[in-house]
PDB file of N, CA and C in Angstrom:
ATOM      1  N   UNK A   1       4.422  55.624  13.665  1.00  0.00           N
ATOM      2  CA  UNK A   1       5.754  56.188  13.797  1.00  0.00           C
ATOM      3  C   UNK A   1       6.394  55.572  15.045  1.00  0.00           C
ATOM      4  N   UNK A   2       7.559  55.026  14.861  1.00  0.00           N
ATOM      5  CA  UNK A   2       8.274  54.434  15.993  1.00  0.00           C
ATOM      6  C   UNK A   2       8.891  55.537  16.853  1.00  0.00           C
ATOM      7  N   UNK A   3       9.229  55.227  18.101  1.00  0.00           N
ATOM      8  CA  UNK A   3       9.897  56.240  18.928  1.00  0.00           C
ATOM      9  C   UNK A   3      11.193  56.758  18.312  1.00  0.00           C
ATOM     10  N   UNK A   4      11.932  55.901  17.645  1.00  0.00           N
ATOM     11  CA  UNK A   4      13.178  56.321  17.005  1.00  0.00           C
ATOM     12  C   UNK A   4      12.892  57.279  15.843  1.00  0.00           C
ATOM     13  N   UNK A   5      11.844  56.991  15.073  1.00  0.00           N
ATOM     14  CA  UNK A   5      11.472  57.881  13.970  1.00  0.00           C
ATOM     15  C   UNK A   5      11.006  59.229  14.512  1.00  0.00           C
ATOM     16  N   UNK A   6      10.270  59.208  15.616  1.00  0.00           N
ATOM     17  CA  UNK A   6       9.803  60.447  16.227  1.00  0.00           C
ATOM     18  C   UNK A   6      10.991  61.289  16.693  1.00  0.00           C
ATOM     19  N   UNK A   7      11.988  60.653  17.299  1.00  0.00           N
ATOM     20  CA  UNK A   7      13.182  61.380  17.745  1.00  0.00           C
ATOM     21  C   UNK A   7      13.898  62.020  16.566  1.00  0.00           C
ATOM     22  N   UNK A   8      14.067  61.256  15.490  1.00  0.00           N
ATOM     23  CA  UNK A   8      14.734  61.788  14.303  1.00  0.00           C
ATOM     24  C   UNK A   8      13.941  62.949  13.710  1.00  0.00           C
ATOM     25  N   UNK A   9      12.610  62.814  13.678  1.00  0.00           N
ATOM     26  CA  UNK A   9      11.766  63.868  13.128  1.00  0.00           C
ATOM     27  C   UNK A   9      11.862  65.139  13.963  1.00  0.00           C
ATOM     28  N   UNK A  10      11.757  65.002  15.277  1.00  0.00           N
ATOM     29  CA  UNK A  10      11.837  66.169  16.163  1.00  0.00           C
ATOM     30  C   UNK A  10      13.195  66.850  16.012  1.00  0.00           C
ATOM     31  N   UNK A  11      14.247  66.074  16.001  1.00  0.00           N
ATOM     32  CA  UNK A  11      15.591  66.645  15.859  1.00  0.00           C
ATOM     33  C   UNK A  11      15.755  67.360  14.523  1.00  0.00           C
ATOM     34  N   UNK A  12      15.293  66.722  13.432  1.00  0.00           N
ATOM     35  CA  UNK A  12      15.434  67.315  12.103  1.00  0.00           C
ATOM     36  C   UNK A  12      14.590  68.582  11.975  1.00  0.00           C
ATOM     37  N   UNK A  13      13.382  68.554  12.528  1.00  0.00           N
ATOM     38  CA  UNK A  13      12.507  69.719  12.442  1.00  0.00           C
ATOM     39  C   UNK A  13      13.066  70.885  13.244  1.00  0.00           C
ATOM     40  N   UNK A  14      13.557  70.593  14.440  1.00  0.00           N
ATOM     41  CA  UNK A  14      14.161  71.652  15.257  1.00  0.00           C
ATOM     42  C   UNK A  14      15.352  72.268  14.527  1.00  0.00           C
ATOM     43  N   UNK A  15      16.164  71.420  13.908  1.00  0.00           N
ATOM     44  CA  UNK A  15      17.327  71.925  13.172  1.00  0.00           C
ATOM     45  C   UNK A  15      16.895  72.762  11.969  1.00  0.00           C
ATOM     46  N   UNK A  16      15.872  72.284  11.244  1.00  0.00           N
ATOM     47  CA  UNK A  16      15.412  73.011  10.059  1.00  0.00           C
ATOM     48  C   UNK A  16      14.833  74.373  10.428  1.00  0.00           C
ATOM     49  N   UNK A  17      14.223  74.466  11.598  1.00  0.00           N
ATOM     50  CA  UNK A  17      13.638  75.731  12.049  1.00  0.00           C
ATOM     51  C   UNK A  17      14.635  76.616  12.784  1.00  0.00           C
ATOM     52  N   UNK A  18      15.828  76.074  13.024  1.00  0.00           N
ATOM     53  CA  UNK A  18      16.816  76.819  13.793  1.00  0.00           C
ATOM     54  C   UNK A  18      16.386  76.978  15.246  1.00  0.00           C
ATOM     55  N   UNK A  19      15.644  76.003  15.744  1.00  0.00           N
ATOM     56  CA  UNK A  19      15.101  76.041  17.087  1.00  0.00           C
ATOM     57  C   UNK A  19      15.987  75.212  18.014  1.00  0.00           C
ATOM     58  N   UNK A  20      16.712  75.860  18.906  1.00  0.00           N
ATOM     59  CA  UNK A  20      17.548  75.073  19.817  1.00  0.00           C
ATOM     60  C   UNK A  20      16.667  74.257  20.767  1.00  0.00           C
ATOM     61  N   UNK A  21      16.983  72.997  20.905  1.00  0.00           N
ATOM     62  CA  UNK A  21      16.214  72.096  21.758  1.00  0.00           C
ATOM     63  C   UNK A  21      17.114  71.653  22.897  1.00  0.00           C
ATOM     64  N   UNK A  22      16.869  72.213  24.067  1.00  0.00           N
ATOM     65  CA  UNK A  22      17.703  71.886  25.222  1.00  0.00           C
ATOM     66  C   UNK A  22      17.498  70.434  25.626  1.00  0.00           C
ATOM     67  N   UNK A  23      18.561  69.828  26.127  1.00  0.00           N
ATOM     68  CA  UNK A  23      18.500  68.410  26.488  1.00  0.00           C
ATOM     69  C   UNK A  23      17.470  68.142  27.586  1.00  0.00           C
ATOM     70  N   UNK A  24      17.270  69.112  28.486  1.00  0.00           N
ATOM     71  CA  UNK A  24      16.280  68.890  29.545  1.00  0.00           C
ATOM     72  C   UNK A  24      14.843  69.103  29.051  1.00  0.00           C
ATOM     73  N   UNK A  25      14.665  69.727  27.887  1.00  0.00           N
ATOM     74  CA  UNK A  25      13.336  69.911  27.304  1.00  0.00           C
ATOM     75  C   UNK A  25      12.966  68.768  26.362  1.00  0.00           C
ATOM     76  N   UNK A  26      13.970  68.078  25.842  1.00  0.00           N
ATOM     77  CA  UNK A  26      13.756  67.058  24.805  1.00  0.00           C
ATOM     78  C   UNK A  26      12.760  65.970  25.216  1.00  0.00           C
ATOM     79  N   UNK A  27      12.842  65.386  26.427  1.00  0.00           N
ATOM     80  CA  UNK A  27      11.859  64.348  26.787  1.00  0.00           C
ATOM     81  C   UNK A  27      10.416  64.844  26.737  1.00  0.00           C
ATOM     82  N   UNK A  28      10.174  66.058  27.197  1.00  0.00           N
ATOM     83  CA  UNK A  28       8.822  66.615  27.150  1.00  0.00           C
ATOM     84  C   UNK A  28       8.359  66.876  25.734  1.00  0.00           C
ATOM     85  N   UNK A  29       9.260  67.387  24.896  1.00  0.00           N
ATOM     86  CA  UNK A  29       8.919  67.636  23.498  1.00  0.00           C
ATOM     87  C   UNK A  29       8.565  66.317  22.820  1.00  0.00           C
ATOM     88  N   UNK A  30       9.356  65.289  23.066  1.00  0.00           N
ATOM     89  CA  UNK A  30       9.077  63.983  22.466  1.00  0.00           C
ATOM     90  C   UNK A  30       7.756  63.409  22.977  1.00  0.00           C
ATOM     91  N   UNK A  31       7.471  63.598  24.265  1.00  0.00           N
ATOM     92  CA  UNK A  31       6.219  63.085  24.835  1.00  0.00           C
ATOM     93  C   UNK A  31       5.025  63.768  24.173  1.00  0.00           C
ATOM     94  N   UNK A  32       5.062  65.097  24.064  1.00  0.00           N
ATOM     95  CA  UNK A  32       3.935  65.808  23.465  1.00  0.00           C
ATOM     96  C   UNK A  32       3.845  65.576  21.963  1.00  0.00           C
ATOM     97  N   UNK A  33       4.983  65.383  21.312  1.00  0.00           N
ATOM     98  CA  UNK A  33       4.944  65.030  19.893  1.00  0.00           C
ATOM     99  C   UNK A  33       4.254  63.682  19.728  1.00  0.00           C
ATOM    100  N   UNK A  34       4.545  62.742  20.611  1.00  0.00           N
ATOM    101  CA  UNK A  34       3.881  61.440  20.570  1.00  0.00           C
ATOM    102  C   UNK A  34       2.379  61.564  20.767  1.00  0.00           C
ATOM    103  N   UNK A  35       1.967  62.434  21.697  1.00  0.00           N
ATOM    104  CA  UNK A  35       0.533  62.669  21.903  1.00  0.00           C
ATOM    105  C   UNK A  35      -0.111  63.241  20.639  1.00  0.00           C
ATOM    106  N   UNK A  36       0.536  64.236  20.054  1.00  0.00           N
ATOM    107  CA  UNK A  36      -0.002  64.854  18.841  1.00  0.00           C
ATOM    108  C   UNK A  36      -0.073  63.846  17.699  1.00  0.00           C
ATOM    109  N   UNK A  37       0.927  62.991  17.586  1.00  0.00           N
ATOM    110  CA  UNK A  37       0.919  61.962  16.542  1.00  0.00           C
ATOM    111  C   UNK A  37      -0.237  60.999  16.766  1.00  0.00           C
ATOM    112  N   UNK A  38      -0.512  60.669  18.029  1.00  0.00           N
ATOM    113  CA  UNK A  38      -1.649  59.801  18.336  1.00  0.00           C
ATOM    114  C   UNK A  38      -2.971  60.451  17.970  1.00  0.00           C
ATOM    115  N   UNK A  39      -3.113  61.739  18.266  1.00  0.00           N
ATOM    116  CA  UNK A  39      -4.333  62.458  17.892  1.00  0.00           C
ATOM    117  C   UNK A  39      -4.490  62.480  16.372  1.00  0.00           C
ATOM    118  N   UNK A  40      -3.390  62.733  15.673  1.00  0.00           N
ATOM    119  CA  UNK A  40      -3.436  62.779  14.209  1.00  0.00           C
ATOM    120  C   UNK A  40      -3.848  61.423  13.646  1.00  0.00           C
ATOM    121  N   UNK A  41      -3.362  60.350  14.228  1.00  0.00           N
ATOM    122  CA  UNK A  41      -3.727  59.009  13.759  1.00  0.00           C
ATOM    123  C   UNK A  41      -5.224  58.768  13.940  1.00  0.00           C
ATOM    124  N   UNK A  42      -5.786  59.253  15.048  1.00  0.00           N
ATOM    125  CA  UNK A  42      -7.228  59.107  15.256  1.00  0.00           C
ATOM    126  C   UNK A  42      -8.024  59.862  14.201  1.00  0.00           C
ATOM    127  N   UNK A  43      -7.606  61.074  13.907  1.00  0.00           N
ATOM    128  CA  UNK A  43      -8.311  61.882  12.900  1.00  0.00           C
ATOM    129  C   UNK A  43      -8.164  61.252  11.521  1.00  0.00           C
ATOM    130  N   UNK A  44      -6.964  60.792  11.192  1.00  0.00           N
ATOM    131  CA  UNK A  44      -6.737  60.186   9.879  1.00  0.00           C
ATOM    132  C   UNK A  44      -7.487  58.872   9.707  1.00  0.00           C
ATOM    133  N   UNK A  45      -7.866  58.218  10.809  1.00  0.00           N
ATOM    134  CA  UNK A  45      -8.568  56.938  10.737  1.00  0.00           C
ATOM    135  C   UNK A  45     -10.035  57.100  10.343  1.00  0.00           C
ATOM    136  N   UNK A  46     -10.556  58.321  10.406  1.00  0.00           N
ATOM    137  CA  UNK A  46     -11.955  58.567  10.045  1.00  0.00           C
ATOM    138  C   UNK A  46     -12.054  58.661   8.528  1.00  0.00           C
ATOM    139  N   UNK A  47     -12.830  57.777   7.933  1.00  0.00           N
ATOM    140  CA  UNK A  47     -12.951  57.838   6.474  1.00  0.00           C
ATOM    141  C   UNK A  47     -13.742  59.075   6.043  1.00  0.00           C
ATOM    142  N   UNK A  48     -13.232  59.776   5.065  1.00  0.00           N
ATOM    143  CA  UNK A  48     -13.899  60.963   4.547  1.00  0.00           C
ATOM    144  C   UNK A  48     -14.297  60.734   3.093  1.00  0.00           C
ATOM    145  N   UNK A  49     -15.446  61.274   2.750  1.00  0.00           N
ATOM    146  CA  UNK A  49     -15.966  61.192   1.396  1.00  0.00           C
ATOM    147  C   UNK A  49     -15.944  62.608   0.792  1.00  0.00           C
ATOM    148  N   UNK A  50     -16.078  62.726  -0.520  1.00  0.00           N
ATOM    149  CA  UNK A  50     -16.056  64.057  -1.136  1.00  0.00           C
ATOM    150  C   UNK A  50     -17.093  65.025  -0.553  1.00  0.00           C
ATOM    151  N   UNK A  51     -18.244  64.530  -0.099  1.00  0.00           N
ATOM    152  CA  UNK A  51     -19.268  65.431   0.432  1.00  0.00           C
ATOM    153  C   UNK A  51     -18.938  65.929   1.848  1.00  0.00           C
ATOM    154  N   UNK A  52     -17.819  65.500   2.417  1.00  0.00           N
ATOM    155  CA  UNK A  52     -17.393  65.964   3.729  1.00  0.00           C
ATOM    156  C   UNK A  52     -16.468  67.176   3.633  1.00  0.00           C
ATOM    157  N   UNK A  53     -16.680  68.007   2.642  1.00  0.00           N
ATOM    158  CA  UNK A  53     -15.840  69.193   2.459  1.00  0.00           C
ATOM    159  C   UNK A  53     -15.989  70.141   3.642  1.00  0.00           C
ATOM    160  N   UNK A  54     -14.927  70.865   3.912  1.00  0.00           N
ATOM    161  CA  UNK A  54     -14.994  71.843   4.991  1.00  0.00           C
ATOM    162  C   UNK A  54     -15.839  73.035   4.553  1.00  0.00           C
ATOM    163  N   UNK A  55     -16.336  73.763   5.524  1.00  0.00           N
ATOM    164  CA  UNK A  55     -17.149  74.934   5.234  1.00  0.00           C
ATOM    165  C   UNK A  55     -16.282  76.024   4.616  1.00  0.00           C
ATOM    166  N   UNK A  56     -16.894  76.852   3.790  1.00  0.00           N
ATOM    167  CA  UNK A  56     -16.175  77.946   3.152  1.00  0.00           C
ATOM    168  C   UNK A  56     -15.756  78.964   4.205  1.00  0.00           C
ATOM    169  N   UNK A  57     -16.659  79.241   5.142  1.00  0.00           N
ATOM    170  CA  UNK A  57     -16.328  80.165   6.213  1.00  0.00           C
ATOM    171  C   UNK A  57     -17.023  79.710   7.495  1.00  0.00           C
ATOM    172  N   UNK A  58     -16.464  80.100   8.595  1.00  0.00           N
ATOM    173  CA  UNK A  58     -17.028  79.767   9.900  1.00  0.00           C
ATOM    174  C   UNK A  58     -17.473  81.057  10.557  1.00  0.00           C
ATOM    175  N   UNK A  59     -18.726  81.096  10.969  1.00  0.00           N
ATOM    176  CA  UNK A  59     -19.261  82.264  11.652  1.00  0.00           C
ATOM    177  C   UNK A  59     -19.702  81.800  13.045  1.00  0.00           C
ATOM    178  N   UNK A  60     -18.969  82.199  14.073  1.00  0.00           N
ATOM    179  CA  UNK A  60     -19.334  81.744  15.415  1.00  0.00           C
ATOM    180  C   UNK A  60     -20.653  82.369  15.870  1.00  0.00           C
ATOM    181  N   UNK A  61     -21.370  81.636  16.661  1.00  0.00           N
ATOM    182  CA  UNK A  61     -22.634  82.100  17.221  1.00  0.00           C
ATOM    183  C   UNK A  61     -22.444  82.282  18.714  1.00  0.00           C
ATOM    184  N   UNK A  62     -22.859  83.428  19.255  1.00  0.00           N
ATOM    185  CA  UNK A  62     -22.688  83.613  20.704  1.00  0.00           C
ATOM    186  C   UNK A  62     -23.547  82.630  21.480  1.00  0.00           C
ATOM    187  N   UNK A  63     -23.110  82.237  22.657  1.00  0.00           N
ATOM    188  CA  UNK A  63     -23.902  81.293  23.451  1.00  0.00           C
ATOM    189  C   UNK A  63     -25.214  81.906  23.897  1.00  0.00           C
ATOM    190  N   UNK A  64     -26.194  81.048  24.101  1.00  0.00           N
ATOM    191  CA  UNK A  64     -27.491  81.496  24.610  1.00  0.00           C
ATOM    192  C   UNK A  64     -27.311  81.969  26.047  1.00  0.00           C
ATOM    193  N   UNK A  65     -27.999  83.051  26.440  1.00  0.00           N
ATOM    194  CA  UNK A  65     -27.885  83.492  27.836  1.00  0.00           C
ATOM    195  C   UNK A  65     -28.505  82.459  28.778  1.00  0.00           C
ATOM    196  N   UNK A  66     -27.896  82.289  29.927  1.00  0.00           N
ATOM    197  CA  UNK A  66     -28.407  81.347  30.925  1.00  0.00           C
ATOM    198  C   UNK A  66     -29.692  81.904  31.512  1.00  0.00           C
ATOM    199  N   UNK A  67     -30.636  81.022  31.736  1.00  0.00           N
ATOM    200  CA  UNK A  67     -31.918  81.470  32.292  1.00  0.00           C
ATOM    201  C   UNK A  67     -31.914  81.419  33.787  1.00  0.00           C
TER     202      UNK A  67
END
């Protein structure tokens, strides 16, 4: 995604959500959107096979007590 595409996306999404985006907040929003897009690209770059299905449920386990 180019910086221009990111700007258009952020503007369109804010408008669609009815979320006012102040001009002094816009650079930070664009910066963090760029970071999130980079993270998403890293995740999407990992090849997944059908056997990599997500778990049906997640049950957290409490940490072991420190000795």
